Each structure stands twice: as C-alpha cells, then as structure tokens.
Amino acid sequence: MVQRGLLIVLSGPSGVGKGTVRKAIFKEDGVDFRYSISATTRKPRPGEVNGQDYFFVTREEFEDKIQNGDMLEYAEYVNNYYGTPRSFIEETLASGHDVFLEIDVQGALQVKTKMPEGVYIFLTPPDLKNLRSRLVGRGTDSAEVIEKRVAAAKDELKMMINYNYAVENDVVSKAVDRIKAIITAERLRVTRVLGELDN
C-alpha cells in the first residue's frame, strides 16, 4: 500500500512573500513536492503564465466549478475569486506524493475543515510597515488596493491561531530553512512512522 502524501499549506497575508518563499523551496535540492496551481478570476500580472502561475478563468467559469463541487476551497478577495481544484489534490496525495499549497488565509481555513491532517504554516511579515513596503515595492496595485490589503492583513494575522506553525519571512533563505525543518519533523511524527511500519 502506498503511503499517503503530506498536504503542506503555506498561507499568510497578501504581500508577505508566499510566492517568493514557495519558489525558493522548490529550487532546493531533494525537494519533490507537487505544486497545486490555484484558479483565479483576477487578471494576470506581467510575466504570469496561465496554467503555471494560476489558471486564469472567467467569473462565470469559476462559479460553475463551485456549483459542481470542483473546488477544495475558494474565497473572494478584493473582488476576485481564488480557489483550489479538488481532484488534483486528492489524486496526488493518494499516489504517495506530497502536495504544496500556497493560498490565502480564508482558503487555508476552508481546506483545514475538509483536510485537518494537513500541515498548516502561517507566513508572517516582520511587521505591518514592512508588509506595506513590500506591497508598494511590487508596483502591481493602486494605493487604494494596497490600503485594502494592509487592512485585510491586520485581520488575517489574528487567524494565525488556527495554524500549526508560524514562520517569519524576514530573510527568504531563513524562512525556507524553517519550513523545511517543519516538514522534516512532520515526516517523523510517530503516527506517520507507525503507519509506514504497518505496511
């Protein structure tokens, strides 16, 4: 019997660097995660590729997927839907491969209600001033949208209590090392090791 893969969920406020940290983890030697690509109704940013960064869909297409139960989670954030196609996650875990999800806080909490066995990691900024600077530095959002994102981040930071781990993203390489340590520890949980011995 194939040992079920780990579901690793990386979440945190907009602008905290989730995408940067995830990309850095995937460049590490010996990392063999399957990345779950989210679907969204927002427009692609410069350089983003459909089917690689996100599945960019219309609002109507996304709402059809919701109605058909095709989304493991979804949320509406700053007037756009974001969500995770369910079938890919289930099939990949069942085949013994680990799945890495990088999603917003609302989405992560939805996933946790359906898949509480996952490893839930909250990425935090050093402080809100730093978060605002990162959002401005991205150069992708208007001042109004940045203020909305900072206000949302204040609320999202309160949700950290629902996660297994909190990792500060002060320096990307340090955040990567911390997350890798968490995943190593999760693989060594007694319940997981006993499950492997029983096979």
C-alpha atoms as a PDB file:
ATOM      1  CA  MET A   1       0.000   0.000   0.000  1.00  0.00           C
ATOM      2  CA  VAL A   2       1.347   3.452  -0.943  1.00  0.00           C
ATOM      3  CA  GLN A   3       1.889   5.840   1.987  1.00  0.00           C
ATOM      4  CA  ARG A   4      -0.369   8.872   1.518  1.00  0.00           C
ATOM      5  CA  GLY A   5       1.492  12.092   0.773  1.00  0.00           C
ATOM      6  CA  LEU A   6       1.626  15.118   3.043  1.00  0.00           C
ATOM      7  CA  LEU A   7      -0.563  18.131   2.344  1.00  0.00           C
ATOM      8  CA  ILE A   8       1.545  21.223   3.127  1.00  0.00           C
ATOM      9  CA  VAL A   9      -0.369  24.511   3.223  1.00  0.00           C
ATOM     10  CA  LEU A  10       1.570  27.799   3.177  1.00  0.00           C
ATOM     11  CA  SER A  11      -0.570  30.827   3.876  1.00  0.00           C
ATOM     12  CA  GLY A  12      -0.403  34.366   5.204  1.00  0.00           C
ATOM     13  CA  PRO A  13      -1.356  37.954   4.371  1.00  0.00           C
ATOM     14  CA  SER A  14      -1.142  39.356   0.843  1.00  0.00           C
ATOM     15  CA  GLY A  15       2.345  40.724   0.196  1.00  0.00           C
ATOM     16  CA  VAL A  16       4.091  38.636   2.863  1.00  0.00           C
ATOM     17  CA  GLY A  17       6.109  36.796   0.214  1.00  0.00           C
ATOM     18  CA  LYS A  18       4.299  33.454  -0.060  1.00  0.00           C
ATOM     19  CA  GLY A  19       5.109  33.099  -3.758  1.00  0.00           C
ATOM     20  CA  THR A  20       8.757  34.074  -3.311  1.00  0.00           C
ATOM     21  CA  VAL A  21       9.260  31.608  -0.441  1.00  0.00           C
ATOM     22  CA  ARG A  22       7.438  28.807  -2.268  1.00  0.00           C
ATOM     23  CA  LYS A  23       9.553  29.288  -5.402  1.00  0.00           C
ATOM     24  CA  ALA A  24      12.737  29.260  -3.281  1.00  0.00           C
ATOM     25  CA  ILE A  25      11.665  25.998  -1.582  1.00  0.00           C
ATOM     26  CA  PHE A  26      11.040  24.346  -4.940  1.00  0.00           C
ATOM     27  CA  LYS A  27      14.563  25.271  -6.093  1.00  0.00           C
ATOM     28  CA  GLU A  28      16.113  23.399  -3.124  1.00  0.00           C
ATOM     29  CA  ASP A  29      17.916  20.091  -3.756  1.00  0.00           C
ATOM     30  CA  GLY A  30      15.964  16.983  -2.804  1.00  0.00           C
ATOM     31  CA  VAL A  31      12.561  18.704  -2.822  1.00  0.00           C
ATOM     32  CA  ASP A  32       9.887  16.652  -4.591  1.00  0.00           C
ATOM     33  CA  PHE A  33       6.595  18.410  -3.919  1.00  0.00           C
ATOM     34  CA  ARG A  34       3.721  18.692  -6.344  1.00  0.00           C
ATOM     35  CA  TYR A  35       2.561  22.281  -6.523  1.00  0.00           C
ATOM     36  CA  SER A  36      -1.167  22.829  -6.651  1.00  0.00           C
ATOM     37  CA  ILE A  37      -1.956  25.640  -9.060  1.00  0.00           C
ATOM     38  CA  SER A  38      -4.865  27.807  -7.949  1.00  0.00           C
ATOM     39  CA  ALA A  39      -7.621  29.124 -10.168  1.00  0.00           C
ATOM     40  CA  THR A  40      -8.473  32.837 -10.097  1.00  0.00           C
ATOM     41  CA  THR A  41     -10.711  35.377 -11.797  1.00  0.00           C
ATOM     42  CA  ARG A  42      -8.174  38.197 -11.445  1.00  0.00           C
ATOM     43  CA  LYS A  43      -6.249  39.414 -14.479  1.00  0.00           C
ATOM     44  CA  PRO A  44      -2.708  38.073 -14.978  1.00  0.00           C
ATOM     45  CA  ARG A  45       0.122  40.304 -13.756  1.00  0.00           C
ATOM     46  CA  PRO A  46       3.015  40.987 -16.163  1.00  0.00           C
ATOM     47  CA  GLY A  47       5.015  37.793 -16.684  1.00  0.00           C
ATOM     48  CA  GLU A  48       2.406  35.436 -15.218  1.00  0.00           C
ATOM     49  CA  VAL A  49       1.565  32.370 -17.307  1.00  0.00           C
ATOM     50  CA  ASN A  50      -1.819  30.626 -17.441  1.00  0.00           C
ATOM     51  CA  GLY A  51      -1.525  27.050 -16.155  1.00  0.00           C
ATOM     52  CA  GLN A  52       1.790  27.800 -14.468  1.00  0.00           C
ATOM     53  CA  ASP A  53       1.194  30.676 -12.037  1.00  0.00           C
ATOM     54  CA  TYR A  54      -2.613  30.350 -11.935  1.00  0.00           C
ATOM     55  CA  PHE A  55      -5.450  29.018 -14.019  1.00  0.00           C
ATOM     56  CA  PHE A  56      -6.985  32.326 -15.138  1.00  0.00           C
ATOM     57  CA  VAL A  57     -10.719  31.828 -15.636  1.00  0.00           C
ATOM     58  CA  THR A  58     -13.796  33.992 -16.016  1.00  0.00           C
ATOM     59  CA  ARG A  59     -16.109  34.664 -13.098  1.00  0.00           C
ATOM     60  CA  GLU A  60     -18.781  32.508 -14.772  1.00  0.00           C
ATOM     61  CA  GLU A  61     -16.386  29.558 -15.209  1.00  0.00           C
ATOM     62  CA  PHE A  62     -15.313  29.801 -11.568  1.00  0.00           C
ATOM     63  CA  GLU A  63     -18.902  29.900 -10.296  1.00  0.00           C
ATOM     64  CA  ASP A  64     -19.704  26.796 -12.378  1.00  0.00           C
ATOM     65  CA  LYS A  65     -16.820  24.971 -10.664  1.00  0.00           C
ATOM     66  CA  ILE A  66     -18.189  25.999  -7.247  1.00  0.00           C
ATOM     67  CA  GLN A  67     -21.652  24.689  -8.140  1.00  0.00           C
ATOM     68  CA  ASN A  68     -20.193  21.394  -9.396  1.00  0.00           C
ATOM     69  CA  GLY A  69     -18.164  20.827  -6.193  1.00  0.00           C
ATOM     70  CA  ASP A  70     -14.901  21.025  -8.142  1.00  0.00           C
ATOM     71  CA  MET A  71     -13.182  23.372  -5.654  1.00  0.00           C
ATOM     72  CA  LEU A  72     -11.482  22.150  -2.472  1.00  0.00           C
ATOM     73  CA  GLU A  73     -11.619  25.736  -1.275  1.00  0.00           C
ATOM     74  CA  TYR A  74     -12.332  29.146  -2.666  1.00  0.00           C
ATOM     75  CA  ALA A  75     -12.544  32.707  -1.474  1.00  0.00           C
ATOM     76  CA  GLU A  76     -13.422  36.113  -2.828  1.00  0.00           C
ATOM     77  CA  TYR A  77     -10.665  38.628  -2.132  1.00  0.00           C
ATOM     78  CA  VAL A  78     -10.584  42.237  -3.347  1.00  0.00           C
ATOM     79  CA  ASN A  79     -13.437  41.439  -5.788  1.00  0.00           C
ATOM     80  CA  ASN A  80     -11.804  38.342  -7.324  1.00  0.00           C
ATOM     81  CA  TYR A  81     -12.256  34.606  -6.715  1.00  0.00           C
ATOM     82  CA  TYR A  82      -9.292  32.392  -5.828  1.00  0.00           C
ATOM     83  CA  GLY A  83      -9.547  28.645  -5.291  1.00  0.00           C
ATOM     84  CA  THR A  84      -8.019  25.179  -5.422  1.00  0.00           C
ATOM     85  CA  PRO A  85      -9.240  22.462  -7.798  1.00  0.00           C
ATOM     86  CA  ARG A  86     -10.056  19.442  -5.602  1.00  0.00           C
ATOM     87  CA  SER A  87      -9.370  16.412  -7.834  1.00  0.00           C
ATOM     88  CA  PHE A  88      -5.655  17.158  -8.319  1.00  0.00           C
ATOM     89  CA  ILE A  89      -5.042  17.306  -4.547  1.00  0.00           C
ATOM     90  CA  GLU A  90      -6.839  14.037  -3.771  1.00  0.00           C
ATOM     91  CA  GLU A  91      -5.265  12.074  -6.626  1.00  0.00           C
ATOM     92  CA  THR A  92      -1.742  13.312  -5.892  1.00  0.00           C
ATOM     93  CA  LEU A  93      -1.889  12.564  -2.143  1.00  0.00           C
ATOM     94  CA  ALA A  94      -3.333   9.106  -2.808  1.00  0.00           C
ATOM     95  CA  SER A  95      -0.420   8.350  -5.176  1.00  0.00           C
ATOM     96  CA  GLY A  96       2.038   8.995  -2.325  1.00  0.00           C
ATOM     97  CA  HIS A  97       3.266  12.416  -3.440  1.00  0.00           C
ATOM     98  CA  ASP A  98       3.337  15.492  -1.202  1.00  0.00           C
ATOM     99  CA  VAL A  99       1.252  18.468  -2.313  1.00  0.00           C
ATOM    100  CA  PHE A 100       2.298  22.042  -1.557  1.00  0.00           C
ATOM    101  CA  LEU A 101      -0.492  24.625  -1.460  1.00  0.00           C
ATOM    102  CA  GLU A 102       0.209  28.361  -1.403  1.00  0.00           C
ATOM    103  CA  ILE A 103      -3.112  30.067  -0.676  1.00  0.00           C
ATOM    104  CA  ASP A 104      -4.695  32.952   1.192  1.00  0.00           C
ATOM    105  CA  VAL A 105      -5.900  32.742   4.786  1.00  0.00           C
ATOM    106  CA  GLN A 106      -9.607  32.295   4.008  1.00  0.00           C
ATOM    107  CA  GLY A 107      -8.815  29.433   1.635  1.00  0.00           C
ATOM    108  CA  ALA A 108      -6.438  27.710   4.046  1.00  0.00           C
ATOM    109  CA  LEU A 109      -9.073  27.660   6.788  1.00  0.00           C
ATOM    110  CA  GLN A 110     -11.584  26.101   4.372  1.00  0.00           C
ATOM    111  CA  VAL A 111      -9.058  23.406   3.450  1.00  0.00           C
ATOM    112  CA  LYS A 112      -8.396  22.726   7.137  1.00  0.00           C
ATOM    113  CA  THR A 113     -12.067  21.967   7.803  1.00  0.00           C
ATOM    114  CA  LYS A 114     -12.013  19.367   4.987  1.00  0.00           C
ATOM    115  CA  MET A 115      -8.449  18.067   5.449  1.00  0.00           C
ATOM    116  CA  PRO A 116      -7.375  18.653   9.084  1.00  0.00           C
ATOM    117  CA  GLU A 117      -4.465  16.204   8.705  1.00  0.00           C
ATOM    118  CA  GLY A 118      -2.554  18.748   6.600  1.00  0.00           C
ATOM    119  CA  VAL A 119       0.442  20.763   7.788  1.00  0.00           C
ATOM    120  CA  TYR A 120      -0.665  24.394   8.117  1.00  0.00           C
ATOM    121  CA  ILE A 121       2.104  27.036   8.059  1.00  0.00           C
ATOM    122  CA  PHE A 122       1.403  30.761   8.506  1.00  0.00           C
ATOM    123  CA  LEU A 123       3.996  33.084   6.936  1.00  0.00           C
ATOM    124  CA  THR A 124       4.257  36.368   8.838  1.00  0.00           C
ATOM    125  CA  PRO A 125       5.870  39.695   7.944  1.00  0.00           C
ATOM    126  CA  PRO A 126       8.369  41.188  10.407  1.00  0.00           C
ATOM    127  CA  ASP A 127       5.761  43.959  10.949  1.00  0.00           C
ATOM    128  CA  LEU A 128       2.962  45.786   9.111  1.00  0.00           C
ATOM    129  CA  LYS A 129       5.269  48.636   7.995  1.00  0.00           C
ATOM    130  CA  ASN A 130       7.436  46.042   6.253  1.00  0.00           C
ATOM    131  CA  LEU A 131       4.338  44.477   4.664  1.00  0.00           C
ATOM    132  CA  ARG A 132       3.175  47.849   3.288  1.00  0.00           C
ATOM    133  CA  SER A 133       6.657  48.464   1.830  1.00  0.00           C
ATOM    134  CA  ARG A 134       6.588  45.077   0.074  1.00  0.00           C
ATOM    135  CA  LEU A 135       3.168  45.785  -1.432  1.00  0.00           C
ATOM    136  CA  VAL A 136       4.304  49.211  -2.682  1.00  0.00           C
ATOM    137  CA  GLY A 137       7.557  47.705  -3.998  1.00  0.00           C
ATOM    138  CA  ARG A 138       5.680  45.136  -6.089  1.00  0.00           C
ATOM    139  CA  GLY A 139       4.291  48.020  -8.143  1.00  0.00           C
ATOM    140  CA  THR A 140       1.252  45.973  -9.174  1.00  0.00           C
ATOM    141  CA  ASP A 141      -1.523  47.582  -7.100  1.00  0.00           C
ATOM    142  CA  SER A 142      -3.016  51.055  -6.722  1.00  0.00           C
ATOM    143  CA  ALA A 143      -2.696  52.935  -3.408  1.00  0.00           C
ATOM    144  CA  GLU A 144      -6.348  52.141  -2.682  1.00  0.00           C
ATOM    145  CA  VAL A 145      -5.840  48.391  -3.209  1.00  0.00           C
ATOM    146  CA  ILE A 146      -2.674  48.464  -1.059  1.00  0.00           C
ATOM    147  CA  GLU A 147      -4.633  50.045   1.815  1.00  0.00           C
ATOM    148  CA  LYS A 148      -7.318  47.351   1.457  1.00  0.00           C
ATOM    149  CA  ARG A 149      -4.648  44.635   1.527  1.00  0.00           C
ATOM    150  CA  VAL A 150      -2.973  46.086   4.659  1.00  0.00           C
ATOM    151  CA  ALA A 151      -6.352  46.341   6.431  1.00  0.00           C
ATOM    152  CA  ALA A 152      -7.117  42.735   5.448  1.00  0.00           C
ATOM    153  CA  ALA A 153      -3.663  41.652   6.707  1.00  0.00           C
ATOM    154  CA  LYS A 154      -4.414  43.044  10.173  1.00  0.00           C
ATOM    155  CA  ASP A 155      -7.483  40.798  10.347  1.00  0.00           C
ATOM    156  CA  GLU A 156      -5.646  37.814   8.842  1.00  0.00           C
ATOM    157  CA  LEU A 157      -2.853  37.990  11.421  1.00  0.00           C
ATOM    158  CA  LYS A 158      -5.471  37.258  14.082  1.00  0.00           C
ATOM    159  CA  MET A 159      -6.231  33.960  12.297  1.00  0.00           C
ATOM    160  CA  MET A 160      -2.716  32.635  12.951  1.00  0.00           C
ATOM    161  CA  ILE A 161      -4.089  30.755  15.971  1.00  0.00           C
ATOM    162  CA  ASN A 162      -5.725  28.261  13.571  1.00  0.00           C
ATOM    163  CA  TYR A 163      -2.393  27.103  12.111  1.00  0.00           C
ATOM    164  CA  ASN A 164       0.158  24.506  13.263  1.00  0.00           C
ATOM    165  CA  TYR A 165       3.220  26.707  12.716  1.00  0.00           C
ATOM    166  CA  ALA A 166       4.177  30.372  12.242  1.00  0.00           C
ATOM    167  CA  VAL A 167       7.264  31.314  10.211  1.00  0.00           C
ATOM    168  CA  GLU A 168       8.552  34.880   9.972  1.00  0.00           C
ATOM    169  CA  ASN A 169       9.650  35.884   6.482  1.00  0.00           C
ATOM    170  CA  ASP A 170      12.439  38.251   7.454  1.00  0.00           C
ATOM    171  CA  VAL A 171      15.006  36.706   5.087  1.00  0.00           C
ATOM    172  CA  VAL A 172      13.749  34.314   2.390  1.00  0.00           C
ATOM    173  CA  SER A 173      16.526  31.742   2.863  1.00  0.00           C
ATOM    174  CA  LYS A 174      15.847  31.596   6.615  1.00  0.00           C
ATOM    175  CA  ALA A 175      12.111  31.187   6.042  1.00  0.00           C
ATOM    176  CA  VAL A 176      12.859  28.325   3.620  1.00  0.00           C
ATOM    177  CA  ASP A 177      15.086  26.589   6.195  1.00  0.00           C
ATOM    178  CA  ARG A 178      12.388  26.902   8.860  1.00  0.00           C
ATOM    179  CA  ILE A 179       9.705  25.444   6.593  1.00  0.00           C
ATOM    180  CA  LYS A 180      11.958  22.556   5.547  1.00  0.00           C
ATOM    181  CA  ALA A 181      12.582  21.804   9.252  1.00  0.00           C
ATOM    182  CA  ILE A 182       8.818  21.733   9.891  1.00  0.00           C
ATOM    183  CA  ILE A 183       8.248  19.286   7.023  1.00  0.00           C
ATOM    184  CA  THR A 184      11.068  17.028   8.236  1.00  0.00           C
ATOM    185  CA  ALA A 185       9.531  16.985  11.725  1.00  0.00           C
ATOM    186  CA  GLU A 186       6.094  16.161  10.300  1.00  0.00           C
ATOM    187  CA  ARG A 187       7.519  13.166   8.436  1.00  0.00           C
ATOM    188  CA  LEU A 188       8.894  11.894  11.760  1.00  0.00           C
ATOM    189  CA  ARG A 189       5.588  12.052  13.657  1.00  0.00           C
ATOM    190  CA  VAL A 190       5.020   8.764  15.463  1.00  0.00           C
ATOM    191  CA  THR A 191       1.576   8.297  13.866  1.00  0.00           C
ATOM    192  CA  ARG A 192       3.096   8.575  10.375  1.00  0.00           C
ATOM    193  CA  VAL A 193       6.043   6.264  11.132  1.00  0.00           C
ATOM    194  CA  LEU A 194       3.727   3.661  12.683  1.00  0.00           C
ATOM    195  CA  GLY A 195       1.573   3.804   9.568  1.00  0.00           C
ATOM    196  CA  GLU A 196       4.600   3.033   7.407  1.00  0.00           C
ATOM    197  CA  LEU A 197       5.680   0.137   9.671  1.00  0.00           C
ATOM    198  CA  ASP A 198       2.240  -1.439   9.389  1.00  0.00           C
ATOM    199  CA  ASN A 199       2.542  -1.703   5.593  1.00  0.00           C
END
